[in-house]
Amino acid sequence: MRRLVPILSMAVLAVATLVWAQTPARAKLRSASSERPVTAIQQGSVSYFPVDEVVSAFGGKVARDPEGFKASLKGVDISFATDSRYAIIRDGLVELPEAPILIDNRPYVPWQFFQSYFRAAIGMDVSWDPAALILEVKPLARTVVSAQASVVDLEGVTKIVIQLSDRAEYSIEREAGYYIVRLRSNLRAASPEVPVENPLVSRIEFREDQVRIALKTDQISANSYQLENPFRIVIDMQHGVAPAPGNLPPAMKIGPADLPGIRTIVIDPGHGGKEVGAIGPAGLQEKDITLAIARRLAGVLERRLNARVVLTRTGDELITLDDRTSIANQYKADLFVSIHLNASVVRDARGTETYFLSLDASDELARKAADRENASAVNTPSTGGVSDLRLILWDLAQQEYLKESSRLAELIQNEMNVLAGIQSRGVKQAPFKVLVGATMPAALVEVGFVSNPEEEAKLGSEEFQARIAETLASAIDRYKNEYEVRIGIAEPKPSPPSASPSPAVPAVPAAATAARAQAPGV
C-alpha cells in the first residue's frame, strides 16, 4: 500500500498538470491598428490558438472540408487537419511543430501556423511572447532590390529573365491572365511597365513586391528556375493546354526544400535542339519522343502526387548535360529521372534498360553506352567527356544516394518490364555524365529501342507514350511511398496492379540480347 501512494500521487499530479496545460489563457492579439483578447492553450512547449479567432480578426474565415479544415484570407487558402503536422498553402507544404488539435469541436493550431500563413496571405509577420501572452502581427522587415526584365524567344520557347540586384525569396503563381512573381522584398524598377512584342506576353509590370507578366492567351504552360551571379529568375513559357476555369495551375515555388519526403521531382527529356539523339528507321527522333513522354509524365505525377514536377526542358532546346543536373540541384529536387530512347545494331532488340550512376560500369556495353553519351555534342569541346577526377568526386558524393538510386532504378525497370511484356534487361550502372552532379537519387531510363521498327512505331504513338508515362509514374509513386514509409511520414499504400503487358511484340531472342551493341544516342 505504501508503494501505491506515490504512484497515485504522481497520477493525480499528471492529471492536474494536463488540466492546467489545457486551461485556456486570455492572451492578446496585437496589430498596428488594434488589440483584442484571444484564447491561448499551452501543451508542453507548444502554444496553440483557435484558428477562427485569429483569422476572423483579419477578415478571414474557417470551414470544414473533406480533408479536415480550410482557412481563407485575402484569397489565399490554407488546408490542415488534426492528424498531420503539415499544412498546405497553395501548392507548398508548411511543417508545424505539432499537429493541430480539436477542443470543443474547434481547431487549435501552434502559433507558427499563423507565421507562415500570414506571410503568404497578407505579407505580415507573426511573433509570440509567452511571458507577456502577446501574439503580435506586424509588417515584414523587407529589403529593397532593383529589378529589370528581358524577354527572349528561343526555338519556340519564350524566356522571361528577371534580374535582381540581390538574392530574394520568391514564389511564382498563375492567375487569370498573368504569371506573378511574388517576392519577400520590395522592388525598385526603372519603369513600372515594360511593353513586350511577343506571341505569348504583352507586357511586364512591376509592383511593390511583384513582377506581373501579362499573358496574351491562357493556353500557356511554364517552368521556372534560377541562376546565380547575377541572381536571375527565369520563366520558360510555351503554348500548352489551357487550365480549366477556376482551376488554374498551382504556384511554382523555388526555395529551401527542408521538408522530409519526396516533394520535388525533376524529369529530364534527353537531347534537344541540334542534339537529336537516336533516329529510328522511319525517321523518329529521340529528342521528340523523350519530350512528349516527359510532358505526359509530368502531368500524371502532378495529378497523382503531392509533389512539384519540373522539366529540364519544355521545348526543342539545347541543354547541356551539366545544366540538366544543375537545374535539379537549383530546385533542390528529391528525385531526378532522365528519359532516353535506346538503339542497337540488332534490329530485334527491345525493352527497357535503367541505369544509376557509378564510376565503374556494370559491363562493357554499359561503359560504351555512357562513353558515347558523354561525348555528345552538347558537351563543351574543351572538356569532351567527364574528367576522371570529377567523376571520382561525384561518384563519392553519390554514395549517399547509391542505395536509393538503385531502388528507384529497380522499380522503374520492374514496371517497364511488365509494360513491354519481356523479362528484365536489367538495372545497370555506368558513368553517365547527365547523372554526374545530381545531389539526390537519380536514374536514367531508356524506355525502348527506336532502332527496332516495331518499337519505333509504338514509341511514335500517343497512346503508347501515355502508357509509358503512366508506368513511369507508377514506379515513382511506389518509390515515393516506400521512402516516406521508411522515414515515418506516410502509411503504406496497397500495391496497385502493374501495367498491363503489351502482347503485340514477341520476346527478344536471347542471342539478340547477348549481341546487343549501342548506337550513338542513348
Protein backbone atom coordinates (compact mmCIF):
# COMPACT_ATOMS: atom_id res chain seq x y z
CA MET A 1 0.00 0.00 0.00
CA ARG A 2 2.87 2.33 0.78
CA ARG A 3 4.18 1.80 -2.74
CA LEU A 4 0.77 2.59 -4.21
CA VAL A 5 0.51 6.02 -2.56
CA PRO A 6 3.40 7.62 -4.51
CA ILE A 7 2.06 6.16 -7.76
CA LEU A 8 -1.40 7.60 -7.09
CA SER A 9 0.14 10.93 -6.16
CA MET A 10 2.07 11.02 -9.41
CA ALA A 11 -1.08 10.15 -11.37
CA VAL A 12 -3.02 12.95 -9.69
CA LEU A 13 -0.17 15.36 -10.40
CA ALA A 14 -0.06 14.31 -14.07
CA VAL A 15 -3.81 14.82 -14.47
CA ALA A 16 -3.61 18.19 -12.73
CA THR A 17 -0.74 19.22 -14.99
CA LEU A 18 -2.71 18.19 -18.10
CA VAL A 19 -5.80 20.10 -16.96
CA TRP A 20 -3.68 23.14 -16.19
CA ALA A 21 -1.91 22.88 -19.55
CA GLN A 22 -5.22 22.79 -21.43
CA THR A 23 -6.86 25.54 -19.40
CA PRO A 24 -7.43 28.47 -21.78
CA ALA A 25 -5.47 31.62 -21.06
CA ARG A 26 -6.56 35.07 -22.20
CA ALA A 27 -3.78 36.35 -24.40
CA LYS A 28 -3.72 39.45 -26.58
CA LEU A 29 -3.79 39.58 -30.37
CA ARG A 30 -1.98 42.78 -31.24
CA SER A 31 -1.58 44.55 -34.58
CA ALA A 32 -0.74 48.11 -35.60
CA SER A 33 -4.43 49.05 -35.67
CA SER A 34 -5.99 47.04 -32.85
CA GLU A 35 -5.59 44.85 -29.81
CA ARG A 36 -8.11 42.22 -28.79
CA PRO A 37 -8.30 39.20 -26.49
CA VAL A 38 -7.58 35.77 -27.93
CA THR A 39 -7.61 32.28 -26.42
CA ALA A 40 -4.28 30.52 -25.88
CA ILE A 41 -3.62 26.97 -24.68
CA GLN A 42 -0.23 25.62 -23.69
CA GLN A 43 0.63 21.94 -24.19
CA GLY A 44 4.21 21.13 -23.30
CA SER A 45 6.38 23.60 -25.18
CA VAL A 46 3.74 24.38 -27.83
CA SER A 47 1.31 27.31 -27.66
CA TYR A 48 -1.98 26.73 -29.50
CA PHE A 49 -4.56 29.25 -30.73
CA PRO A 50 -8.04 28.79 -32.24
CA VAL A 51 -7.79 29.38 -35.97
CA ASP A 52 -11.19 31.03 -36.28
CA GLU A 53 -10.47 33.69 -33.62
CA VAL A 54 -7.18 34.78 -35.16
CA VAL A 55 -8.11 34.57 -38.84
CA SER A 56 -11.51 36.30 -38.42
CA ALA A 57 -9.74 39.24 -36.74
CA PHE A 58 -8.19 39.98 -40.16
CA GLY A 59 -11.31 39.38 -42.24
CA GLY A 60 -10.85 35.66 -42.94
CA LYS A 61 -12.95 32.60 -42.23
CA VAL A 62 -12.52 28.92 -41.38
CA ALA A 63 -14.63 25.99 -42.57
CA ARG A 64 -14.51 22.22 -42.58
CA ASP A 65 -13.61 20.44 -45.79
CA PRO A 66 -13.42 16.72 -46.68
CA GLU A 67 -9.76 16.53 -45.61
CA GLY A 68 -10.09 18.49 -42.37
CA PHE A 69 -10.26 22.29 -42.29
CA LYS A 70 -9.61 25.18 -44.65
CA ALA A 71 -8.94 28.80 -43.72
CA SER A 72 -9.38 31.57 -46.30
CA LEU A 73 -7.84 35.03 -46.01
CA LYS A 74 -7.43 37.63 -48.77
CA GLY A 75 -7.91 34.97 -51.44
CA VAL A 76 -5.25 32.65 -50.02
CA ASP A 77 -6.32 29.27 -48.63
CA ILE A 78 -4.55 27.01 -46.17
CA SER A 79 -5.67 23.42 -45.60
CA PHE A 80 -4.86 21.46 -42.45
CA ALA A 81 -6.01 18.51 -40.38
CA THR A 82 -5.70 17.34 -36.79
CA ASP A 83 -3.83 14.16 -37.79
CA SER A 84 -0.96 15.83 -39.65
CA ARG A 85 1.88 18.22 -38.81
CA TYR A 86 1.75 19.54 -42.39
CA ALA A 87 -0.48 22.32 -43.71
CA ILE A 88 -0.83 23.21 -47.40
CA ILE A 89 -0.64 26.80 -48.68
CA ARG A 90 -1.25 26.93 -52.42
CA ASP A 91 0.98 24.02 -53.51
CA GLY A 92 3.52 24.45 -50.71
CA LEU A 93 3.80 22.43 -47.51
CA VAL A 94 4.29 24.04 -44.11
CA GLU A 95 5.69 21.92 -41.30
CA LEU A 96 4.33 22.66 -37.81
CA PRO A 97 6.00 21.71 -34.52
CA GLU A 98 2.94 19.60 -33.65
CA ALA A 99 -0.32 18.64 -35.37
CA PRO A 100 -3.36 20.86 -34.78
CA ILE A 101 -5.74 19.75 -32.02
CA LEU A 102 -9.52 19.80 -31.65
CA ILE A 103 -11.06 21.33 -28.49
CA ASP A 104 -14.84 21.68 -28.22
CA ASN A 105 -15.02 20.92 -31.95
CA ARG A 106 -12.78 23.92 -32.76
CA PRO A 107 -9.36 23.52 -34.44
CA TYR A 108 -6.40 24.92 -32.49
CA VAL A 109 -3.01 25.29 -34.17
CA PRO A 110 0.54 26.08 -33.00
CA TRP A 111 1.26 29.79 -33.27
CA GLN A 112 3.83 29.11 -36.03
CA PHE A 113 0.87 28.25 -38.28
CA PHE A 114 -0.01 31.96 -38.45
CA GLN A 115 3.59 32.95 -39.05
CA SER A 116 3.68 31.03 -42.34
CA TYR A 117 0.07 31.73 -43.35
CA PHE A 118 0.04 35.47 -42.70
CA ARG A 119 3.29 35.93 -44.63
CA ALA A 120 1.66 34.28 -47.65
CA ALA A 121 -1.80 35.85 -47.31
CA ILE A 122 -1.26 39.41 -46.05
CA GLY A 123 2.51 39.92 -46.11
CA MET A 124 2.72 40.19 -42.32
CA ASP A 125 4.97 38.55 -39.77
CA VAL A 126 3.75 36.96 -36.51
CA SER A 127 5.59 36.60 -33.21
CA TRP A 128 4.55 35.12 -29.85
CA ASP A 129 5.70 36.33 -26.45
CA PRO A 130 4.65 33.59 -23.95
CA ALA A 131 5.70 35.65 -20.92
CA ALA A 132 3.59 38.67 -21.88
CA LEU A 133 0.93 36.50 -23.58
CA ILE A 134 1.02 38.64 -26.74
CA LEU A 135 0.54 37.28 -30.26
CA GLU A 136 1.72 40.16 -32.43
CA VAL A 137 1.06 40.66 -36.14
CA LYS A 138 3.42 43.19 -37.70
CA PRO A 139 4.81 44.17 -41.10
CA LEU A 140 7.56 42.02 -42.53
CA ALA A 141 11.02 43.53 -42.46
CA ARG A 142 11.73 43.88 -46.17
CA THR A 143 14.85 44.56 -48.13
CA VAL A 144 14.78 46.55 -51.37
CA VAL A 145 16.14 45.05 -54.59
CA SER A 146 16.47 46.55 -58.04
CA ALA A 147 14.80 44.62 -60.85
CA GLN A 148 14.91 44.56 -64.61
CA ALA A 149 13.32 42.15 -67.07
CA SER A 150 14.04 40.93 -70.58
CA VAL A 151 12.24 38.58 -72.97
CA VAL A 152 13.99 36.22 -75.38
CA ASP A 153 12.43 33.85 -77.93
CA LEU A 154 14.45 30.68 -78.41
CA GLU A 155 13.27 27.79 -80.58
CA GLY A 156 9.60 28.13 -79.70
CA VAL A 157 10.17 28.96 -76.03
CA THR A 158 9.62 32.43 -74.58
CA LYS A 159 12.17 33.06 -71.82
CA ILE A 160 11.34 35.73 -69.26
CA VAL A 161 14.50 36.71 -67.41
CA ILE A 162 14.06 38.80 -64.25
CA GLN A 163 17.39 40.04 -62.93
CA LEU A 164 17.61 41.25 -59.32
CA SER A 165 20.35 43.22 -57.63
CA ASP A 166 20.44 40.69 -54.78
CA ARG A 167 19.07 37.28 -53.88
CA ALA A 168 15.43 37.26 -52.76
CA GLU A 169 12.92 34.65 -51.65
CA TYR A 170 10.08 34.33 -54.11
CA SER A 171 7.21 32.21 -55.37
CA ILE A 172 5.53 32.08 -58.78
CA GLU A 173 1.82 31.60 -59.24
CA ARG A 174 -0.72 31.64 -62.03
CA GLU A 175 -3.77 33.91 -62.05
CA ALA A 176 -6.20 34.63 -64.85
CA GLY A 177 -4.21 36.48 -67.50
CA TYR A 178 -0.96 36.61 -65.50
CA TYR A 179 2.03 34.80 -64.14
CA ILE A 180 3.03 36.58 -60.94
CA VAL A 181 6.41 36.52 -59.22
CA ARG A 182 5.88 37.41 -55.55
CA LEU A 183 8.95 38.43 -53.60
CA ARG A 184 9.77 38.79 -49.92
CA SER A 185 11.49 42.06 -50.86
CA ASN A 186 10.31 45.38 -52.19
CA LEU A 187 11.13 46.16 -55.81
CA ARG A 188 12.75 49.16 -57.41
CA ALA A 189 12.47 49.32 -61.20
CA ALA A 190 13.35 51.96 -63.79
CA SER A 191 9.80 51.85 -65.16
CA PRO A 192 6.54 50.47 -63.73
CA GLU A 193 5.77 48.71 -67.01
CA VAL A 194 7.75 47.21 -69.89
CA PRO A 195 5.88 46.60 -73.17
CA VAL A 196 6.72 43.31 -74.91
CA GLU A 197 6.30 42.25 -78.54
CA ASN A 198 5.75 38.51 -78.20
CA PRO A 199 3.08 35.96 -79.18
CA LEU A 200 2.57 34.95 -75.55
CA VAL A 201 3.34 38.02 -73.44
CA SER A 202 2.06 41.60 -73.84
CA ARG A 203 3.89 43.41 -71.02
CA ILE A 204 5.75 43.05 -67.73
CA GLU A 205 4.53 45.10 -64.78
CA PHE A 206 6.49 45.96 -61.62
CA ARG A 207 4.56 46.44 -58.38
CA GLU A 208 5.70 46.95 -54.79
CA ASP A 209 6.71 43.32 -54.27
CA GLN A 210 5.55 41.67 -57.50
CA VAL A 211 6.56 41.20 -61.09
CA ARG A 212 3.39 40.61 -63.12
CA ILE A 213 3.71 39.01 -66.56
CA ALA A 214 0.62 39.81 -68.64
CA LEU A 215 -0.35 36.96 -70.98
CA LYS A 216 -1.97 37.18 -74.40
CA THR A 217 -3.51 33.72 -74.09
CA ASP A 218 -4.41 31.28 -71.31
CA GLN A 219 -3.02 28.38 -73.35
CA ILE A 220 0.46 28.62 -71.84
CA SER A 221 2.49 26.18 -69.82
CA ALA A 222 5.60 27.26 -67.93
CA ASN A 223 8.54 26.13 -65.85
CA SER A 224 10.97 28.24 -63.87
CA TYR A 225 14.45 28.08 -62.41
CA GLN A 226 17.02 30.47 -61.01
CA LEU A 227 20.57 31.40 -61.99
CA GLU A 228 23.35 32.93 -59.92
CA ASN A 229 25.96 35.69 -60.40
CA PRO A 230 23.89 37.77 -61.02
CA PHE A 231 20.72 36.43 -59.39
CA ARG A 232 18.09 35.79 -62.08
CA ILE A 233 14.65 34.20 -62.14
CA VAL A 234 13.97 32.52 -65.49
CA ILE A 235 10.49 31.51 -66.63
CA ASP A 236 10.23 29.39 -69.78
CA MET A 237 6.83 29.68 -71.47
CA GLN A 238 5.32 27.95 -74.44
CA HIS A 239 1.93 27.15 -75.91
CA GLY A 240 0.25 24.49 -73.79
CA VAL A 241 -3.11 23.23 -72.59
CA ALA A 242 -5.34 25.96 -71.18
CA PRO A 243 -6.26 25.45 -67.50
CA ALA A 244 -9.91 24.83 -66.69
CA PRO A 245 -11.79 27.91 -65.44
CA GLY A 246 -11.37 28.25 -61.69
CA ASN A 247 -8.72 25.55 -61.70
CA LEU A 248 -5.54 27.40 -62.56
CA PRO A 249 -2.21 25.61 -62.18
CA PRO A 250 -0.77 25.81 -58.67
CA ALA A 251 2.04 28.15 -57.77
CA MET A 252 5.59 27.15 -58.65
CA LYS A 253 7.82 27.68 -55.64
CA ILE A 254 11.58 27.94 -55.55
CA GLY A 255 13.35 27.88 -52.24
CA PRO A 256 14.69 25.67 -49.47
CA ALA A 257 13.30 22.15 -49.62
CA ASP A 258 13.73 21.28 -45.96
CA LEU A 259 10.58 19.20 -45.55
CA PRO A 260 11.08 15.43 -45.41
CA GLY A 261 9.87 13.17 -48.19
CA ILE A 262 9.67 13.42 -51.96
CA ARG A 263 8.48 16.97 -52.61
CA THR A 264 10.19 17.94 -55.89
CA ILE A 265 10.78 15.67 -58.90
CA VAL A 266 12.83 16.78 -61.91
CA ILE A 267 12.17 14.98 -65.20
CA ASP A 268 14.86 15.30 -67.87
CA PRO A 269 13.79 14.73 -71.52
CA GLY A 270 17.01 13.53 -73.19
CA HIS A 271 18.66 15.50 -76.01
CA GLY A 272 17.05 18.52 -77.72
CA GLY A 273 17.87 21.20 -80.25
CA LYS A 274 20.63 20.19 -82.64
CA GLU A 275 21.33 17.15 -80.45
CA VAL A 276 18.61 14.87 -81.88
CA GLY A 277 19.76 11.62 -80.26
CA ALA A 278 18.98 8.25 -81.80
CA ILE A 279 16.93 8.11 -85.02
CA GLY A 280 14.68 5.19 -85.97
CA PRO A 281 14.42 3.50 -89.39
CA ALA A 282 11.31 5.57 -90.18
CA GLY A 283 12.97 8.81 -89.02
CA LEU A 284 11.57 9.07 -85.49
CA GLN A 285 13.90 11.29 -83.45
CA GLU A 286 14.76 10.55 -79.82
CA LYS A 287 14.57 14.20 -78.75
CA ASP A 288 10.90 14.48 -79.81
CA ILE A 289 9.72 11.30 -78.11
CA THR A 290 11.55 11.92 -74.83
CA LEU A 291 9.96 15.37 -74.60
CA ALA A 292 6.48 14.02 -75.38
CA ILE A 293 6.80 11.30 -72.72
CA ALA A 294 8.26 13.74 -70.17
CA ARG A 295 5.38 16.17 -70.64
CA ARG A 296 2.83 13.39 -70.15
CA LEU A 297 4.73 12.04 -67.15
CA ALA A 298 4.80 15.48 -65.52
CA GLY A 299 1.03 15.75 -65.93
CA VAL A 300 0.42 12.32 -64.41
CA LEU A 301 2.73 12.96 -61.46
CA GLU A 302 1.14 16.34 -60.72
CA ARG A 303 -2.29 14.69 -60.62
CA ARG A 304 -1.22 11.72 -58.50
CA LEU A 305 1.35 13.03 -56.06
CA ASN A 306 1.62 15.91 -53.65
CA ALA A 307 4.87 16.98 -55.31
CA ARG A 308 6.26 19.70 -57.56
CA VAL A 309 7.34 18.44 -61.00
CA VAL A 310 9.89 20.30 -63.12
CA LEU A 311 11.12 19.58 -66.66
CA THR A 312 14.71 20.42 -67.58
CA ARG A 313 13.44 21.49 -71.00
CA THR A 314 9.93 22.27 -72.15
CA GLY A 315 10.66 22.64 -75.86
CA ASP A 316 13.13 21.69 -78.57
CA GLU A 317 16.07 23.43 -76.97
CA LEU A 318 19.71 22.61 -76.41
CA ILE A 319 20.51 22.00 -72.73
CA THR A 320 24.00 20.90 -71.73
CA LEU A 321 24.38 17.75 -69.70
CA ASP A 322 25.86 19.79 -66.83
CA ASP A 323 22.90 22.17 -66.84
CA ARG A 324 20.37 19.34 -66.57
CA THR A 325 21.59 18.25 -63.14
CA SER A 326 22.25 21.89 -62.23
CA ILE A 327 18.55 22.59 -62.73
CA ALA A 328 17.69 19.67 -60.45
CA ASN A 329 20.10 20.96 -57.82
CA GLN A 330 18.76 24.53 -58.09
CA TYR A 331 15.25 23.23 -57.45
CA LYS A 332 16.57 21.17 -54.51
CA ALA A 333 14.97 18.15 -56.17
CA ASP A 334 14.34 14.95 -54.24
CA LEU A 335 14.40 12.77 -57.38
CA PHE A 336 15.95 13.10 -60.85
CA VAL A 337 14.84 10.89 -63.75
CA SER A 338 16.39 11.24 -67.21
CA ILE A 339 14.37 9.77 -70.13
CA HIS A 340 16.05 8.42 -73.28
CA LEU A 341 15.50 6.02 -76.17
CA ASN A 342 17.82 3.13 -76.94
CA ALA A 343 19.34 1.97 -80.22
CA SER A 344 21.13 -1.18 -81.31
CA VAL A 345 22.60 -2.75 -84.42
CA VAL A 346 20.44 -5.76 -83.54
CA ARG A 347 17.09 -4.82 -85.07
CA ASP A 348 15.09 -7.15 -82.79
CA ALA A 349 16.45 -5.63 -79.57
CA ARG A 350 13.62 -4.18 -77.49
CA GLY A 351 12.57 -3.35 -73.97
CA THR A 352 13.82 -1.03 -71.26
CA GLU A 353 17.17 -0.55 -69.55
CA THR A 354 17.57 1.56 -66.44
CA TYR A 355 20.85 2.95 -65.11
CA PHE A 356 22.14 4.64 -62.00
CA LEU A 357 25.49 6.35 -61.60
CA SER A 358 28.73 4.59 -60.85
CA LEU A 359 32.38 5.22 -61.68
CA ASP A 360 32.61 1.58 -62.78
CA ALA A 361 30.21 0.37 -65.47
CA SER A 362 28.28 -2.86 -64.98
CA ASP A 363 29.63 -4.29 -68.21
CA GLU A 364 31.41 -3.28 -71.41
CA LEU A 365 28.21 -2.39 -73.26
CA ALA A 366 27.12 -0.12 -70.43
CA ARG A 367 30.53 1.58 -70.43
CA LYS A 368 30.42 2.15 -74.21
CA ALA A 369 26.87 3.49 -73.97
CA ALA A 370 28.00 6.02 -71.35
CA ASP A 371 31.12 6.93 -73.35
CA ARG A 372 29.06 7.74 -76.44
CA GLU A 373 26.52 9.74 -74.46
CA ASN A 374 29.27 11.65 -72.65
CA ALA A 375 30.85 12.56 -75.99
CA SER A 376 27.55 14.12 -77.14
CA ALA A 377 27.61 17.43 -79.00
CA VAL A 378 26.07 19.20 -76.01
CA ASN A 379 29.33 18.91 -74.11
CA THR A 380 31.79 21.73 -74.40
CA PRO A 381 34.66 20.90 -76.78
CA SER A 382 37.24 21.81 -74.16
CA THR A 383 36.16 19.10 -71.76
CA GLY A 384 34.73 16.42 -74.04
CA GLY A 385 33.73 13.65 -71.63
CA VAL A 386 33.92 13.58 -67.89
CA SER A 387 37.32 14.00 -66.27
CA ASP A 388 38.45 11.10 -64.10
CA LEU A 389 38.93 13.36 -61.07
CA ARG A 390 35.48 14.93 -61.39
CA LEU A 391 33.82 11.56 -61.85
CA ILE A 392 35.59 10.16 -58.81
CA LEU A 393 34.48 13.11 -56.70
CA TRP A 394 30.87 12.81 -57.80
CA ASP A 395 30.96 9.04 -57.50
CA LEU A 396 31.96 9.50 -53.86
CA ALA A 397 29.24 12.13 -53.38
CA GLN A 398 26.65 9.78 -54.89
CA GLN A 399 27.48 7.06 -52.37
CA GLU A 400 24.97 8.78 -50.07
CA TYR A 401 22.25 8.12 -52.66
CA LEU A 402 23.55 4.83 -54.08
CA LYS A 403 21.00 2.60 -52.36
CA GLU A 404 18.11 4.97 -53.11
CA SER A 405 19.14 5.40 -56.77
CA SER A 406 19.41 1.62 -57.10
CA ARG A 407 15.92 1.11 -55.66
CA LEU A 408 14.41 3.83 -57.87
CA ALA A 409 16.01 2.25 -60.96
CA GLU A 410 14.82 -1.21 -59.90
CA LEU A 411 11.20 -0.08 -59.52
CA ILE A 412 11.28 1.69 -62.89
CA GLN A 413 12.76 -1.39 -64.56
CA ASN A 414 10.21 -3.75 -62.99
CA GLU A 415 7.24 -1.65 -64.07
CA MET A 416 8.58 -1.16 -67.59
CA ASN A 417 9.28 -4.90 -67.99
CA VAL A 418 5.59 -5.60 -67.44
CA LEU A 419 4.61 -2.94 -69.96
CA ALA A 420 6.97 -4.40 -72.59
CA GLY A 421 5.96 -7.97 -71.80
CA ILE A 422 9.54 -9.24 -71.54
CA GLN A 423 11.97 -10.48 -68.97
CA SER A 424 14.20 -7.82 -67.47
CA ARG A 425 17.12 -6.42 -69.44
CA GLY A 426 18.39 -5.49 -66.00
CA VAL A 427 19.34 -2.49 -63.93
CA LYS A 428 22.87 -1.32 -64.77
CA GLN A 429 25.45 1.14 -63.56
CA ALA A 430 27.52 3.43 -65.76
CA PRO A 431 29.27 6.83 -65.59
CA PHE A 432 26.61 8.82 -67.49
CA LYS A 433 27.55 12.48 -67.36
CA VAL A 434 23.89 13.54 -67.18
CA LEU A 435 23.76 11.84 -63.76
CA VAL A 436 27.05 13.31 -62.58
CA GLY A 437 26.45 16.14 -60.15
CA ALA A 438 22.95 15.14 -59.06
CA THR A 439 22.70 15.64 -55.31
CA MET A 440 19.67 13.37 -54.98
CA PRO A 441 18.64 9.83 -56.01
CA ALA A 442 18.91 9.74 -59.81
CA ALA A 443 18.22 7.25 -62.59
CA LEU A 444 18.40 7.19 -66.39
CA VAL A 445 15.81 5.10 -68.21
CA GLU A 446 15.96 4.03 -71.84
CA VAL A 447 12.28 3.36 -72.41
CA GLY A 448 12.59 1.43 -75.68
CA PHE A 449 14.61 0.72 -78.82
CA VAL A 450 13.87 3.24 -81.55
CA SER A 451 16.12 1.12 -83.82
CA ASN A 452 13.51 -1.66 -83.69
CA PRO A 453 10.89 -0.85 -86.39
CA GLU A 454 8.03 -2.29 -84.32
CA GLU A 455 9.08 -0.43 -81.17
CA GLU A 456 9.65 2.75 -83.21
CA ALA A 457 6.04 2.60 -84.42
CA LYS A 458 4.78 2.11 -80.86
CA LEU A 459 7.01 4.86 -79.45
CA GLY A 460 5.60 7.29 -82.02
CA SER A 461 2.04 6.54 -80.89
CA GLU A 462 0.43 8.94 -78.42
CA GLU A 463 -1.42 6.03 -76.81
CA PHE A 464 1.82 4.14 -76.09
CA GLN A 465 3.54 7.33 -74.88
CA ALA A 466 0.68 7.77 -72.42
CA ARG A 467 1.11 4.16 -71.22
CA ILE A 468 4.83 4.73 -70.71
CA ALA A 469 4.09 7.90 -68.72
CA GLU A 470 1.56 6.06 -66.53
CA THR A 471 4.03 3.20 -65.99
CA LEU A 472 6.90 5.51 -65.01
CA ALA A 473 4.55 7.44 -62.72
CA SER A 474 3.55 4.19 -61.01
CA ALA A 475 7.21 3.35 -60.37
CA ILE A 476 7.94 6.83 -59.00
CA ASP A 477 4.79 6.72 -56.87
CA ARG A 478 5.86 3.35 -55.44
CA TYR A 479 9.33 4.67 -54.67
CA LYS A 480 7.90 7.81 -53.04
CA ASN A 481 5.57 5.80 -50.83
CA GLU A 482 8.26 3.26 -49.89
CA TYR A 483 10.70 6.03 -48.98
CA GLU A 484 8.20 8.08 -46.97
CA VAL A 485 7.05 4.99 -45.09
CA ARG A 486 10.69 4.23 -44.22
CA ILE A 487 11.25 7.71 -42.80
CA GLY A 488 7.97 7.60 -40.90
CA ILE A 489 5.84 10.27 -42.58
CA ALA A 490 3.45 8.07 -44.58
CA GLU A 491 1.41 4.88 -44.30
CA PRO A 492 1.97 2.04 -46.79
CA LYS A 493 -0.31 2.13 -49.81
CA PRO A 494 -1.93 -1.04 -51.15
CA SER A 495 0.10 -2.28 -54.09
CA PRO A 496 -1.69 -1.30 -57.32
CA PRO A 497 -1.73 -3.77 -60.24
CA SER A 498 1.29 -3.32 -62.51
CA ALA A 499 0.96 -2.04 -66.05
CA SER A 500 -0.64 -4.49 -68.45
CA PRO A 501 1.87 -6.20 -70.70
CA SER A 502 1.85 -5.40 -74.38
CA PRO A 503 1.15 -8.66 -76.25
CA ALA A 504 1.79 -7.21 -79.69
CA VAL A 505 5.59 -7.64 -79.67
CA PRO A 506 7.31 -11.02 -79.15
CA ALA A 507 10.02 -11.51 -76.54
CA VAL A 508 13.53 -10.54 -77.56
CA PRO A 509 15.68 -13.55 -78.53
CA ALA A 510 18.47 -14.36 -76.09
CA ALA A 511 21.02 -14.18 -78.90
CA ALA A 512 19.89 -10.67 -79.77
CA THR A 513 20.27 -9.61 -76.15
CA ALA A 514 23.76 -11.05 -75.99
CA ALA A 515 24.80 -9.45 -79.27
CA ARG A 516 23.33 -6.02 -78.49
CA ALA A 517 25.58 -3.07 -79.28
CA GLN A 518 24.64 0.53 -78.58
CA ALA A 519 24.30 3.03 -81.43
CA PRO A 520 25.10 6.73 -80.92
CA GLY A 521 22.35 8.44 -78.99
CA VAL A 522 21.35 6.73 -75.79
